[in-house]
Amino acid sequence: MINAVIYARYSSDNQREESIDAQVRAINDYASRNGYQIIREYRDEARSATTDNRPQFLQMVKDAASMDFQAIIVHKLDRFSRDRYDSAVYRHQLKKYGVILKSVLENLDGSPESIILESVLEGMAEYYSQNLSREVKKGLNETALKCQHTGGKPSLGYDVGPDKKYILNDSEADTVRFIFQRFAEGYGYKRLIGMLNERGLRAKTGKPFSQSTLRTILTNEKYTGMYIFNRSKGRKKWSEIKTEKDIVRIPGGMPQIIDTDLFKTVQEKLSRSQMNASNKAKVNYLLSGKMYCSQCGALLSGHTAKDGRNKHEYSRYHCGTRRRAGDCDLKAINKDFIENLVIEDLQKNLLNPSSIQSLADQVIEFYENMKKTDTIDVKAFRGRSNDIQKKIDNIIDHIANGTASTALTDRLSKLEQEKSEIETIIREATRKSVKLSINRDLVVQYLEKDIVALKNKNPEDLKKIIQIYVKKVVVSQETVEVFLIVHTIDGAEGSRTPVRR
């Protein structure tokens, strides 16, 4: 049997979702029917799939390196992640350890059609998550217009009063003033942290100050008395400054701690520091984890170095074996050349108006076949539910006839719980088939969005697309071979192009 683990998650943003116990019961049933042996469970309760703040999930990914399990089984794909990029990245990471992801309610088999369908399903789940966030924001906007606290820990220097408005925390406010004044005088982060620690001062969390904590404080315009809501968007790696019309800004909406002139002085110093740091910006290597050396099989990794008399910066992909041990003679390959080649290959062979039409047909055919299987599974669960109901009725008859016992009542309780969980699974499966109803136009629309993203060449979008549609890129001394997800048969040739270094 194949060793597998369970990942179950319950988030409080949708009270109609099945409980973790119901998910686990469905997964165990799926495992027994499909030849998987469950060796461990990972559970995250009241956690959102749009964030990496899921301790059990991260532990599971870490444990995958031990290679003692070959599959992760979830009830639905959106239990794994509602972010298309994160899902692709984590699944690629797990694939390196020989671990696959299986879904009870979405029978996806690794074919090109299933990969695209999975991407569509994840995209819809991501849209659902973002739409839910927008609805939540509407209510928070009303709170913000009253200059009230909208959730989370208040910034250092503030507490929240009974009317949900911000009030000064005098001792913390003194710490904020100390930090601003010393930074304006030229004290660096390390020296400031040392001084704060010597005084026994702590951040709002109760932990010692760190460089990132100080930067958050020093860039917080709220200290000038400006109430601000909805400035940043999403998680840290996707954060972006929104347009002014999206941000709620109310002068005098908070108690002022720092005067405006001091705040401006500090921002100017931070800006100069940021300009210096930007000269060392990290290069975004789009093909990380996808490129392999044809000679030794090692992954190629991206590196930037200064070459020549003028010390011009060059970014290339290097064979991992050659860099570590020098035991491979594959030459480095130019980053821009190989990345542009892969993008062009995607445009030519997969993501173009003519190709996506036939691809959409295949995806819909696969989806319709998958729905038939889902219907059979629901029928099986309904059969189990009926069998349990018969057992429940039988026990109730015994109790009514005066033969009640502790063992009998305990058995009744367990059967009722099991029936309740099975009914939840049936409702969820039925709701899923309605909510995630997919048609050909939707698939085409989804693929067209990726065509546009390829043309725009935004690095973040390109990374997502490559993670999903590119299986691997194999580099030799003379050629580059690109394998897209349509190349599924072992030994099938990808697109070959002569190397230009």
Protein backbone atom coordinates (compact mmCIF):
# COMPACT_ATOMS: atom_id res chain seq x y z
CA MET A 1 0.00 0.00 0.00
CA ILE A 2 1.01 3.62 -0.53
CA ASN A 3 1.77 5.59 2.64
CA ALA A 4 -0.25 8.79 2.87
CA VAL A 5 -1.02 11.59 5.31
CA ILE A 6 -4.19 13.58 5.87
CA TYR A 7 -4.32 17.36 5.71
CA ALA A 8 -7.54 18.87 7.05
CA ARG A 9 -8.31 22.53 7.62
CA TYR A 10 -11.29 24.40 8.98
CA SER A 11 -11.48 28.18 8.60
CA SER A 12 -14.00 30.28 10.44
CA ASP A 13 -14.81 32.39 7.36
CA ASN A 14 -17.49 29.92 6.23
CA GLN A 15 -19.56 28.29 8.95
CA ARG A 16 -21.23 25.96 6.44
CA GLU A 17 -17.99 24.12 5.76
CA GLU A 18 -17.70 20.53 6.95
CA SER A 19 -15.93 19.93 10.25
CA ILE A 20 -12.40 18.61 10.37
CA ASP A 21 -13.72 15.29 11.72
CA ALA A 22 -16.00 14.96 8.72
CA GLN A 23 -13.11 15.72 6.36
CA VAL A 24 -10.94 13.11 8.08
CA ARG A 25 -13.69 10.48 7.94
CA ALA A 26 -14.18 11.08 4.20
CA ILE A 27 -10.43 10.97 3.57
CA ASN A 28 -10.04 7.70 5.49
CA ASP A 29 -12.86 6.21 3.46
CA TYR A 30 -11.22 7.40 0.20
CA ALA A 31 -7.85 6.00 1.32
CA SER A 32 -9.23 2.54 2.10
CA ARG A 33 -10.97 2.39 -1.31
CA ASN A 34 -7.90 3.53 -3.26
CA GLY A 35 -5.04 1.62 -1.65
CA TYR A 36 -3.58 4.30 0.64
CA GLN A 37 -2.41 3.65 4.19
CA ILE A 38 -2.82 6.70 6.45
CA ILE A 39 0.21 7.09 8.71
CA ARG A 40 -0.35 10.62 10.06
CA GLU A 41 -2.80 13.51 10.31
CA TYR A 42 -2.14 17.24 10.10
CA ARG A 43 -4.90 19.59 11.24
CA ASP A 44 -5.12 23.39 11.12
CA GLU A 45 -8.22 24.73 12.84
CA ALA A 46 -9.61 28.20 12.09
CA ARG A 47 -6.82 28.91 9.62
CA SER A 48 -7.16 30.55 6.23
CA ALA A 49 -5.71 28.85 3.16
CA THR A 50 -4.65 32.24 1.79
CA THR A 51 -1.87 32.54 4.31
CA ASP A 52 1.26 30.58 5.17
CA ASN A 53 0.37 30.95 8.86
CA ARG A 54 -0.67 27.31 9.09
CA PRO A 55 1.72 25.52 11.48
CA GLN A 56 0.54 21.99 10.71
CA PHE A 57 0.63 22.61 6.96
CA LEU A 58 4.20 23.91 7.10
CA GLN A 59 5.21 20.99 9.36
CA MET A 60 3.70 18.58 6.81
CA VAL A 61 5.73 20.13 3.96
CA LYS A 62 8.85 19.91 6.12
CA ASP A 63 8.12 16.27 7.05
CA ALA A 64 7.76 15.38 3.37
CA ALA A 65 11.55 15.55 3.11
CA SER A 66 11.75 12.39 5.24
CA MET A 67 10.05 10.55 2.35
CA ASP A 68 8.09 8.26 4.67
CA PHE A 69 4.86 9.13 2.85
CA GLN A 70 4.10 9.42 -0.86
CA ALA A 71 0.75 11.19 -0.88
CA ILE A 72 -1.19 13.94 0.87
CA ILE A 73 -4.95 13.52 0.81
CA VAL A 74 -7.29 16.48 1.26
CA HIS A 75 -11.07 16.64 1.15
CA LYS A 76 -11.06 19.46 -1.42
CA LEU A 77 -8.24 21.26 -3.22
CA ASP A 78 -9.06 24.55 -1.49
CA ARG A 79 -8.20 22.88 1.83
CA PHE A 80 -4.61 22.78 0.52
CA SER A 81 -4.49 26.38 -0.71
CA ARG A 82 -6.76 29.05 -2.16
CA ASP A 83 -3.81 30.76 -3.80
CA ARG A 84 -2.92 29.43 -7.23
CA TYR A 85 0.75 30.42 -7.00
CA ASP A 86 1.34 29.00 -3.53
CA SER A 87 -0.40 25.78 -4.50
CA ALA A 88 1.88 25.35 -7.52
CA VAL A 89 5.01 26.19 -5.53
CA TYR A 90 4.23 23.84 -2.63
CA ARG A 91 3.16 21.04 -4.96
CA HIS A 92 6.39 21.41 -6.91
CA GLN A 93 8.33 21.29 -3.66
CA LEU A 94 6.46 18.15 -2.59
CA LYS A 95 7.00 16.56 -5.99
CA LYS A 96 10.76 16.72 -5.39
CA TYR A 97 10.20 14.40 -2.44
CA GLY A 98 7.98 12.07 -4.50
CA VAL A 99 4.78 13.27 -2.78
CA ILE A 100 1.55 13.75 -4.74
CA LEU A 101 -1.64 15.59 -3.73
CA LYS A 102 -4.97 13.76 -3.92
CA SER A 103 -8.46 15.22 -3.43
CA VAL A 104 -11.50 13.24 -2.29
CA LEU A 105 -13.99 15.46 -4.12
CA GLU A 106 -11.87 16.26 -7.19
CA ASN A 107 -10.57 13.12 -8.90
CA LEU A 108 -7.59 14.65 -10.70
CA ASP A 109 -5.13 12.20 -12.23
CA GLY A 110 -2.12 14.26 -13.36
CA SER A 111 -3.14 14.41 -17.04
CA PRO A 112 -2.81 17.76 -18.88
CA GLU A 113 -6.60 18.15 -18.70
CA SER A 114 -6.62 17.53 -14.95
CA ILE A 115 -3.74 19.98 -14.36
CA ILE A 116 -5.60 22.72 -16.22
CA LEU A 117 -8.90 21.83 -14.55
CA GLU A 118 -7.15 21.89 -11.20
CA SER A 119 -5.76 25.32 -12.04
CA VAL A 120 -9.26 26.53 -12.94
CA LEU A 121 -10.69 25.12 -9.69
CA GLU A 122 -7.92 26.75 -7.66
CA GLY A 123 -8.44 30.01 -9.53
CA MET A 124 -12.15 29.92 -8.71
CA ALA A 125 -11.38 29.18 -5.06
CA GLU A 126 -8.91 32.07 -5.08
CA TYR A 127 -11.59 34.32 -6.58
CA TYR A 128 -14.03 33.16 -3.89
CA SER A 129 -11.49 33.99 -1.19
CA GLN A 130 -10.81 37.44 -2.65
CA ASN A 131 -14.53 38.13 -3.06
CA LEU A 132 -15.13 37.14 0.56
CA SER A 133 -12.34 39.50 1.58
CA ARG A 134 -14.01 42.34 -0.36
CA GLU A 135 -17.30 41.73 1.44
CA VAL A 136 -15.53 41.79 4.80
CA LYS A 137 -13.75 45.02 3.81
CA LYS A 138 -17.07 46.75 3.15
CA GLY A 139 -18.04 46.37 6.80
CA LEU A 140 -14.58 47.36 7.99
CA ASN A 141 -14.71 50.51 5.86
CA GLU A 142 -17.74 51.71 7.81
CA THR A 143 -15.83 51.11 11.05
CA ALA A 144 -12.81 52.94 9.66
CA LEU A 145 -14.84 56.02 8.73
CA LYS A 146 -15.65 56.33 12.45
CA CYS A 147 -11.90 56.16 13.25
CA GLN A 148 -12.47 52.96 15.18
CA HIS A 149 -10.21 49.94 15.64
CA THR A 150 -10.73 47.39 12.82
CA GLY A 151 -9.05 44.39 14.45
CA GLY A 152 -5.66 42.98 15.34
CA LYS A 153 -3.12 44.43 17.78
CA PRO A 154 -3.01 48.23 17.90
CA SER A 155 0.32 49.84 17.08
CA LEU A 156 2.87 50.41 19.83
CA GLY A 157 1.82 53.53 21.72
CA TYR A 158 -1.91 52.92 21.43
CA ASP A 159 -4.63 50.96 23.20
CA VAL A 160 -8.31 50.60 22.25
CA GLY A 161 -10.93 52.33 24.37
CA PRO A 162 -14.46 51.08 25.23
CA ASP A 163 -15.84 52.93 22.19
CA LYS A 164 -13.29 51.10 19.96
CA LYS A 165 -11.41 54.33 19.35
CA TYR A 166 -7.67 54.59 19.87
CA ILE A 167 -6.29 56.01 23.12
CA LEU A 168 -2.70 56.72 24.15
CA ASN A 169 -0.63 54.21 26.08
CA ASP A 170 1.69 56.75 27.71
CA SER A 171 4.66 54.49 28.47
CA GLU A 172 4.61 52.95 24.99
CA ALA A 173 4.21 56.39 23.40
CA ASP A 174 7.42 57.47 25.15
CA THR A 175 9.18 54.48 23.58
CA VAL A 176 7.91 55.50 20.13
CA ARG A 177 9.18 59.05 20.63
CA PHE A 178 12.56 57.69 21.77
CA ILE A 179 12.86 55.53 18.64
CA PHE A 180 11.98 58.36 16.24
CA GLN A 181 14.25 60.90 17.94
CA ARG A 182 17.30 58.63 18.08
CA PHE A 183 16.87 57.46 14.47
CA ALA A 184 16.63 61.09 13.31
CA GLU A 185 19.86 61.78 15.21
CA GLY A 186 21.63 59.10 13.16
CA TYR A 187 21.39 56.00 15.35
CA GLY A 188 21.28 52.80 13.27
CA TYR A 189 19.01 49.81 13.78
CA LYS A 190 21.55 47.69 15.68
CA ARG A 191 22.52 50.47 18.07
CA LEU A 192 18.86 51.37 18.66
CA ILE A 193 17.94 47.75 19.39
CA GLY A 194 20.80 47.54 21.89
CA MET A 195 19.64 50.69 23.68
CA LEU A 196 16.03 49.50 23.82
CA ASN A 197 17.08 46.11 25.18
CA GLU A 198 19.28 47.74 27.84
CA ARG A 199 16.24 49.66 29.05
CA GLY A 200 14.13 46.50 29.11
CA LEU A 201 11.72 47.95 26.53
CA ARG A 202 9.66 45.57 24.41
CA ALA A 203 7.56 45.63 21.24
CA LYS A 204 3.76 45.44 21.39
CA THR A 205 4.00 41.64 21.22
CA GLY A 206 6.13 41.59 24.38
CA LYS A 207 9.17 40.40 22.42
CA PRO A 208 12.47 42.27 22.00
CA PHE A 209 12.65 44.77 19.13
CA SER A 210 13.97 43.61 15.76
CA GLN A 211 15.02 45.55 12.68
CA SER A 212 11.72 44.80 10.92
CA THR A 213 9.75 45.90 14.01
CA LEU A 214 11.63 49.21 14.12
CA ARG A 215 11.06 49.82 10.42
CA THR A 216 7.32 49.18 10.85
CA ILE A 217 7.24 51.76 13.65
CA LEU A 218 9.32 54.33 11.78
CA THR A 219 7.08 54.18 8.67
CA ASN A 220 3.78 54.29 10.57
CA GLU A 221 2.08 57.55 9.63
CA LYS A 222 -0.58 56.97 12.28
CA TYR A 223 1.86 58.43 14.82
CA THR A 224 1.29 61.85 13.23
CA GLY A 225 -2.41 61.59 14.17
CA MET A 226 -3.48 60.32 10.72
CA TYR A 227 -6.04 57.50 10.89
CA ILE A 228 -5.27 55.09 8.02
CA PHE A 229 -7.08 51.98 6.85
CA ASN A 230 -6.64 49.67 3.84
CA ARG A 231 -3.15 50.85 2.87
CA SER A 232 -1.61 47.43 2.15
CA LYS A 233 -3.04 44.51 0.22
CA GLY A 234 -2.67 40.79 0.87
CA ARG A 235 0.23 38.93 2.38
CA LYS A 236 3.68 40.38 2.75
CA LYS A 237 5.11 39.00 -0.48
CA TRP A 238 2.16 40.41 -2.47
CA SER A 239 1.97 43.71 -0.60
CA GLU A 240 1.46 46.83 -2.68
CA ILE A 241 0.54 50.43 -2.03
CA LYS A 242 -3.01 51.10 -3.22
CA THR A 243 -4.28 54.25 -4.89
CA GLU A 244 -5.39 57.05 -2.60
CA LYS A 245 -9.06 56.48 -3.44
CA ASP A 246 -8.83 52.97 -1.92
CA ILE A 247 -7.29 54.18 1.34
CA VAL A 248 -9.25 55.68 4.23
CA ARG A 249 -7.19 58.62 5.57
CA ILE A 250 -8.59 60.87 8.29
CA PRO A 251 -6.31 63.61 9.70
CA GLY A 252 -6.63 63.94 13.47
CA GLY A 253 -8.40 60.59 13.69
CA MET A 254 -5.85 59.27 16.21
CA PRO A 255 -3.96 60.71 19.19
CA GLN A 256 -0.74 62.26 17.83
CA ILE A 257 2.58 60.95 19.18
CA ILE A 258 5.14 62.30 16.64
CA ASP A 259 5.10 65.77 15.10
CA THR A 260 4.93 65.98 11.32
CA ASP A 261 8.39 67.54 10.82
CA LEU A 262 10.14 64.75 12.76
CA PHE A 263 8.20 62.12 10.80
CA LYS A 264 9.26 63.72 7.49
CA THR A 265 12.90 63.79 8.60
CA VAL A 266 12.81 60.09 9.42
CA GLN A 267 11.11 59.21 6.08
CA GLU A 268 13.84 61.05 4.17
CA LYS A 269 16.54 59.08 5.98
CA LEU A 270 14.70 55.81 5.34
CA SER A 271 14.27 56.71 1.67
CA ARG A 272 18.02 57.23 1.22
CA SER A 273 18.66 53.91 2.92
CA GLN A 274 16.09 52.19 0.68
CA MET A 275 17.73 53.60 -2.46
CA ASN A 276 21.03 52.04 -1.43
CA ALA A 277 19.33 48.72 -0.74
CA SER A 278 17.52 48.75 -4.09
CA ASN A 279 20.88 48.64 -5.87
CA LYS A 280 21.23 45.13 -4.40
CA ALA A 281 17.77 44.00 -5.47
CA LYS A 282 17.31 40.26 -5.76
CA VAL A 283 17.00 38.91 -9.29
CA ASN A 284 13.78 37.02 -10.00
CA TYR A 285 14.68 33.66 -11.58
CA LEU A 286 11.49 32.43 -13.25
CA LEU A 287 12.70 28.86 -13.93
CA SER A 288 13.94 27.99 -10.44
CA GLY A 289 13.12 24.35 -9.69
CA LYS A 290 12.22 23.60 -13.33
CA MET A 291 15.59 23.36 -15.13
CA TYR A 292 17.73 20.22 -15.20
CA CYS A 293 21.20 19.37 -16.49
CA SER A 294 21.05 16.69 -19.22
CA GLN A 295 24.48 15.37 -18.22
CA CYS A 296 24.16 14.80 -14.46
CA GLY A 297 20.46 15.42 -13.78
CA ALA A 298 21.06 18.18 -11.23
CA LEU A 299 18.84 21.25 -10.97
CA LEU A 300 20.15 24.49 -12.44
CA SER A 301 20.06 27.49 -10.12
CA GLY A 302 20.25 31.19 -10.87
CA HIS A 303 23.27 33.33 -9.98
CA THR A 304 24.25 36.93 -10.74
CA ALA A 305 27.89 38.00 -10.95
CA LYS A 306 29.96 40.89 -12.29
CA ASP A 307 32.22 40.02 -15.21
CA GLY A 308 34.68 41.79 -17.43
CA ARG A 309 36.66 44.97 -17.17
CA ASN A 310 33.54 47.10 -16.66
CA LYS A 311 32.17 44.71 -14.02
CA HIS A 312 28.86 44.43 -15.85
CA GLU A 313 26.31 42.25 -14.07
CA TYR A 314 25.33 38.99 -15.78
CA SER A 315 22.57 36.66 -14.63
CA ARG A 316 22.85 33.00 -15.57
CA TYR A 317 21.63 29.54 -14.60
CA HIS A 318 24.37 27.16 -13.42
CA CYS A 319 24.41 23.39 -12.99
CA GLY A 320 24.19 22.60 -9.25
CA THR A 321 26.75 19.77 -9.47
CA ARG A 322 29.27 21.97 -11.27
CA ARG A 323 28.95 24.77 -8.72
CA ARG A 324 29.16 22.44 -5.72
CA ALA A 325 31.81 19.96 -6.79
CA GLY A 326 33.00 20.85 -10.28
CA ASP A 327 32.15 17.31 -11.45
CA CYS A 328 30.01 18.43 -14.43
CA ASP A 329 31.16 20.47 -17.41
CA LEU A 330 27.80 21.96 -18.44
CA LYS A 331 28.33 25.63 -19.17
CA ALA A 332 26.12 28.29 -17.59
CA ILE A 333 23.22 29.56 -19.68
CA ASN A 334 22.04 33.15 -20.03
CA LYS A 335 18.97 33.93 -17.89
CA ASP A 336 17.16 36.20 -20.35
CA PHE A 337 17.74 33.82 -23.28
CA ILE A 338 16.36 30.72 -21.55
CA GLU A 339 13.42 32.48 -19.87
CA ASN A 340 12.33 34.19 -23.10
CA LEU A 341 12.68 30.88 -24.93
CA VAL A 342 10.33 29.13 -22.46
CA ILE A 343 7.80 31.98 -22.64
CA GLU A 344 7.85 31.83 -26.46
CA ASP A 345 7.41 28.05 -26.32
CA LEU A 346 4.36 28.46 -24.08
CA GLN A 347 2.90 31.01 -26.48
CA LYS A 348 3.57 28.87 -29.52
CA ASN A 349 2.56 25.43 -28.27
CA LEU A 350 0.02 25.89 -25.49
CA LEU A 351 -1.19 29.36 -24.55
CA ASN A 352 -2.40 30.77 -27.84
CA PRO A 353 -5.94 31.38 -29.20
CA SER A 354 -6.03 28.29 -31.42
CA SER A 355 -4.51 25.81 -28.97
CA ILE A 356 -6.72 26.74 -26.01
CA GLN A 357 -9.88 25.97 -28.00
CA SER A 358 -9.03 22.28 -28.39
CA LEU A 359 -7.54 22.24 -24.88
CA ALA A 360 -10.81 23.60 -23.46
CA ASP A 361 -12.72 20.79 -25.18
CA GLN A 362 -10.45 18.19 -23.58
CA VAL A 363 -10.75 19.80 -20.15
CA ILE A 364 -14.56 19.85 -20.30
CA GLU A 365 -14.67 16.23 -21.43
CA PHE A 366 -12.44 15.29 -18.50
CA TYR A 367 -14.59 17.36 -16.13
CA GLU A 368 -17.81 15.69 -17.26
CA ASN A 369 -16.28 12.26 -16.71
CA MET A 370 -15.06 13.35 -13.29
CA LYS A 371 -18.56 14.53 -12.34
CA LYS A 372 -19.95 11.09 -13.18
CA THR A 373 -17.45 9.56 -10.74
CA ASP A 374 -18.41 12.12 -8.11
CA THR A 375 -22.07 11.14 -8.53
CA ILE A 376 -21.19 7.51 -7.90
CA ASP A 377 -19.26 8.50 -4.74
CA VAL A 378 -22.23 10.52 -3.45
CA LYS A 379 -24.49 7.53 -4.06
CA ALA A 380 -22.09 5.37 -2.01
CA PHE A 381 -22.20 7.84 0.87
CA ARG A 382 -26.00 7.97 0.70
CA GLY A 383 -26.04 4.17 0.88
CA ARG A 384 -23.86 4.28 3.99
CA SER A 385 -26.09 6.92 5.50
CA ASN A 386 -29.15 4.72 4.94
CA ASP A 387 -27.40 1.69 6.49
CA ILE A 388 -26.49 3.76 9.56
CA GLN A 389 -30.06 5.02 9.86
CA LYS A 390 -31.30 1.41 9.95
CA LYS A 391 -28.87 0.66 12.79
CA ILE A 392 -30.02 3.79 14.63
CA ASP A 393 -33.69 2.77 14.23
CA ASN A 394 -32.87 -0.73 15.50
CA ILE A 395 -31.19 0.62 18.66
CA ILE A 396 -34.07 3.05 19.27
CA ASP A 397 -36.49 0.10 19.07
CA HIS A 398 -34.45 -1.79 21.67
CA ILE A 399 -34.42 1.24 23.97
CA ALA A 400 -38.19 1.72 23.50
CA ASN A 401 -38.67 -1.93 24.49
CA GLY A 402 -36.86 -1.33 27.78
CA THR A 403 -33.49 -2.94 26.90
CA ALA A 404 -31.42 0.22 27.21
CA SER A 405 -27.83 -0.02 28.41
CA THR A 406 -24.80 2.28 28.60
CA ALA A 407 -23.14 0.39 25.75
CA LEU A 408 -26.27 0.74 23.62
CA THR A 409 -26.67 4.46 24.22
CA ASP A 410 -22.94 5.02 23.53
CA ARG A 411 -23.31 3.10 20.27
CA LEU A 412 -26.34 5.20 19.35
CA SER A 413 -24.40 8.41 20.00
CA LYS A 414 -21.50 7.29 17.77
CA LEU A 415 -23.82 6.24 14.96
CA GLU A 416 -25.68 9.55 15.08
CA GLN A 417 -22.39 11.45 14.93
CA GLU A 418 -21.18 9.33 11.99
CA LYS A 419 -24.47 9.87 10.13
CA SER A 420 -24.27 13.61 10.76
CA GLU A 421 -20.75 13.76 9.33
CA ILE A 422 -21.71 11.70 6.26
CA GLU A 423 -24.68 13.98 5.63
CA THR A 424 -22.33 16.96 5.85
CA ILE A 425 -20.07 15.35 3.23
CA ILE A 426 -23.05 14.71 0.93
CA ARG A 427 -24.24 18.31 1.30
CA GLU A 428 -20.73 19.60 0.63
CA ALA A 429 -20.31 17.40 -2.46
CA THR A 430 -23.70 18.52 -3.79
CA ARG A 431 -22.95 22.17 -3.04
CA LYS A 432 -19.57 21.84 -4.73
CA SER A 433 -21.09 20.49 -7.94
CA VAL A 434 -23.38 23.55 -8.08
CA LYS A 435 -20.91 26.16 -6.86
CA LEU A 436 -18.02 24.98 -9.05
CA SER A 437 -20.07 24.37 -12.15
CA ILE A 438 -17.60 24.73 -15.00
CA ASN A 439 -18.40 25.27 -18.67
CA ARG A 440 -16.26 25.59 -21.76
CA ASP A 441 -16.49 29.39 -21.89
CA LEU A 442 -15.15 29.62 -18.35
CA VAL A 443 -12.14 27.42 -19.20
CA VAL A 444 -11.41 29.45 -22.33
CA GLN A 445 -11.73 32.69 -20.37
CA TYR A 446 -9.36 31.36 -17.73
CA LEU A 447 -6.75 30.28 -20.31
CA GLU A 448 -7.08 33.60 -22.16
CA LYS A 449 -6.21 35.40 -18.93
CA ASP A 450 -2.90 33.52 -18.89
CA ILE A 451 -2.28 34.42 -22.55
CA VAL A 452 -2.60 38.10 -21.64
CA ALA A 453 -0.32 37.63 -18.61
CA LEU A 454 2.36 36.07 -20.84
CA LYS A 455 2.26 39.12 -23.12
CA ASN A 456 2.44 41.58 -20.23
CA LYS A 457 5.45 39.73 -18.76
CA ASN A 458 4.86 40.69 -15.15
CA PRO A 459 7.46 38.58 -13.25
CA GLU A 460 4.99 37.42 -10.58
CA ASP A 461 2.43 36.33 -13.19
CA LEU A 462 5.10 34.64 -15.30
CA LYS A 463 6.30 32.69 -12.28
CA LYS A 464 2.77 31.42 -11.63
CA ILE A 465 2.25 30.38 -15.23
CA ILE A 466 5.59 28.59 -15.54
CA GLN A 467 5.00 26.69 -12.29
CA ILE A 468 1.68 25.41 -13.65
CA TYR A 469 2.24 24.74 -17.35
CA VAL A 470 5.95 23.85 -17.61
CA LYS A 471 6.91 20.33 -16.53
CA LYS A 472 10.66 20.75 -16.90
CA VAL A 473 13.42 22.28 -19.01
CA VAL A 474 16.43 20.11 -19.87
CA VAL A 475 19.69 21.85 -20.83
CA SER A 476 22.64 20.26 -22.65
CA GLN A 477 25.77 21.82 -24.14
CA GLU A 478 24.07 22.22 -27.53
CA THR A 479 20.30 22.37 -26.97
CA VAL A 480 17.46 23.32 -24.64
CA GLU A 481 14.43 21.01 -24.49
CA VAL A 482 11.20 22.42 -23.06
CA PHE A 483 8.57 19.98 -21.75
CA LEU A 484 5.12 21.47 -21.20
CA ILE A 485 2.30 19.68 -19.39
CA VAL A 486 1.07 18.36 -22.75
CA HIS A 487 4.18 16.17 -22.92
CA THR A 488 2.92 13.46 -20.56
CA ILE A 489 4.22 10.24 -22.14
CA ASP A 490 7.65 9.15 -20.89
CA GLY A 491 10.18 9.64 -23.65
CA ALA A 492 8.04 12.15 -25.52
CA GLU A 493 10.11 14.91 -27.04
CA GLY A 494 9.72 18.50 -26.01
CA SER A 495 10.62 21.54 -28.13
CA ARG A 496 14.36 21.61 -28.93
CA THR A 497 16.24 24.85 -29.48
CA PRO A 498 19.99 25.43 -29.94
CA VAL A 499 21.66 26.98 -26.90
CA ARG A 500 22.81 30.59 -27.03
CA ARG A 501 25.04 31.49 -24.13
